[in-house]
């Protein structure tokens, strides 16, 4: 695959990942806020947004640490960055699999949802 093809495929993957995350967060926030009283919804919204920002900051920090795990290596900067990007990718895959396992364990319902 050429460099142009790699950039295009990574851009499409990032767009799909961002869209999926945004759709999942919006749905989770809507369902969570529906459980609160009308007076508590503003505080619940603030808590959801603060948690999202905090998680984003932690995720950025972990990704940057994984990108530069071996700064003392004699490899070229491009090789270190590529190896670090692979570490970040596999870490995110592991988190995604763990997320599905947790959803399967914690969100089992014996009866269908009813209001």
Protein backbone atom coordinates (compact mmCIF):
# COMPACT_ATOMS: atom_id res chain seq x y z
CA UNK A 1 0.00 0.00 0.00
CA UNK A 2 1.38 3.40 -0.89
CA UNK A 3 1.81 6.20 1.62
CA UNK A 4 -1.20 8.02 0.15
CA UNK A 5 -3.35 4.89 0.61
CA UNK A 6 -2.22 4.55 4.22
CA UNK A 7 -3.10 8.15 4.99
CA UNK A 8 -6.53 7.80 3.39
CA UNK A 9 -7.29 4.52 5.20
CA UNK A 10 -6.16 5.94 8.56
CA UNK A 11 -8.29 9.04 7.99
CA UNK A 12 -11.37 6.95 7.21
CA UNK A 13 -10.71 4.73 10.26
CA UNK A 14 -10.35 7.79 12.51
CA UNK A 15 -13.55 9.35 11.16
CA UNK A 16 -15.51 6.13 11.76
CA UNK A 17 -14.06 5.74 15.25
CA UNK A 18 -14.86 9.35 16.17
CA UNK A 19 -18.39 9.09 14.80
CA UNK A 20 -19.01 5.85 16.70
CA UNK A 21 -17.67 7.26 19.95
CA UNK A 22 -19.79 10.39 19.60
CA UNK A 23 -22.95 8.40 18.90
CA UNK A 24 -22.31 6.07 21.85
CA UNK A 25 -21.59 8.92 24.26
CA UNK A 26 -24.67 10.88 23.23
CA UNK A 27 -26.90 7.86 23.71
CA UNK A 28 -25.35 7.01 27.09
CA UNK A 29 -25.70 10.58 28.27
CA UNK A 30 -29.35 10.78 27.17
CA UNK A 31 -30.26 7.54 28.94
CA UNK A 32 -28.31 8.54 32.06
CA UNK A 33 -29.89 11.99 32.26
CA UNK A 34 -33.36 10.50 31.79
CA UNK A 35 -32.89 8.71 35.11
CA UNK A 36 -32.40 12.03 36.94
CA UNK A 37 -35.02 14.46 38.09
CA UNK A 38 -35.46 17.68 36.13
CA UNK A 39 -33.67 19.69 38.84
CA UNK A 40 -30.64 17.34 38.77
CA UNK A 41 -30.19 17.19 34.98
CA UNK A 42 -27.96 20.26 34.72
CA UNK A 43 -25.59 18.77 37.31
CA UNK A 44 -25.72 15.40 35.59
CA UNK A 45 -24.84 17.03 32.26
CA UNK A 46 -21.89 18.80 33.88
CA UNK A 47 -20.67 15.53 35.40
CA UNK A 48 -20.91 13.71 32.04
CA UNK A 49 -19.01 16.47 30.22
CA UNK A 50 -16.34 16.73 32.94
CA UNK A 51 -15.85 12.96 32.88
CA UNK A 52 -15.51 13.02 29.08
CA UNK A 53 -12.90 15.80 29.22
CA UNK A 54 -11.00 14.07 32.02
CA UNK A 55 -11.02 10.76 30.13
CA UNK A 56 -9.78 12.52 27.01
CA UNK A 57 -6.90 14.07 28.94
CA UNK A 58 -5.94 10.72 30.44
CA UNK A 59 -6.20 9.02 27.04
CA UNK A 60 -3.98 11.64 25.43
CA UNK A 61 -1.39 11.26 28.20
CA UNK A 62 -1.32 7.46 27.96
CA UNK A 63 -1.08 7.58 24.16
CA UNK A 64 1.81 10.06 24.26
CA UNK A 65 3.61 7.91 26.84
CA UNK A 66 3.19 4.81 24.69
CA UNK A 67 4.40 6.70 21.61
CA UNK A 68 7.70 7.52 23.30
CA UNK A 69 8.31 4.40 25.37
CA UNK A 70 11.88 3.95 24.18
CA UNK A 71 13.39 7.43 23.62
CA UNK A 72 16.94 6.19 24.29
CA UNK A 73 16.87 3.78 21.37
CA UNK A 74 19.21 4.46 18.48
CA UNK A 75 16.40 3.91 15.97
CA UNK A 76 15.24 6.75 13.80
CA UNK A 77 12.48 8.99 15.06
CA UNK A 78 10.15 7.70 12.34
CA UNK A 79 10.72 4.10 13.45
CA UNK A 80 10.13 5.02 17.11
CA UNK A 81 6.91 6.82 16.18
CA UNK A 82 5.69 3.89 14.07
CA UNK A 83 6.46 1.42 16.86
CA UNK A 84 4.75 3.70 19.37
CA UNK A 85 1.68 3.99 17.14
CA UNK A 86 1.51 0.19 17.04
CA UNK A 87 1.64 0.09 20.85
CA UNK A 88 -1.18 2.63 21.06
CA UNK A 89 -3.24 0.69 18.50
CA UNK A 90 -2.93 -2.61 20.37
CA UNK A 91 -3.63 -0.91 23.69
CA UNK A 92 -6.83 0.55 22.23
CA UNK A 93 -7.82 -2.85 20.79
CA UNK A 94 -7.30 -4.42 24.22
CA UNK A 95 -9.43 -1.70 25.85
CA UNK A 96 -12.15 -2.24 23.24
CA UNK A 97 -12.25 -5.99 23.87
CA UNK A 98 -12.29 -5.38 27.63
CA UNK A 99 -15.14 -2.91 27.13
CA UNK A 100 -17.23 -5.52 25.30
CA UNK A 101 -16.50 -8.10 28.03
CA UNK A 102 -17.57 -5.64 30.73
CA UNK A 103 -20.75 -4.76 28.84
CA UNK A 104 -21.54 -8.44 28.48
CA UNK A 105 -20.98 -9.09 32.21
CA UNK A 106 -22.59 -6.02 33.73
CA UNK A 107 -25.48 -5.31 31.41
CA UNK A 108 -27.15 -8.70 31.31
CA UNK A 109 -30.90 -8.42 31.63
CA UNK A 110 -33.06 -11.45 32.22
CA UNK A 111 -36.27 -9.67 31.34
CA UNK A 112 -36.89 -7.41 28.34
CA UNK A 113 -36.77 -3.69 28.99
CA UNK A 114 -40.09 -2.12 29.85
CA UNK A 115 -41.09 1.25 31.19
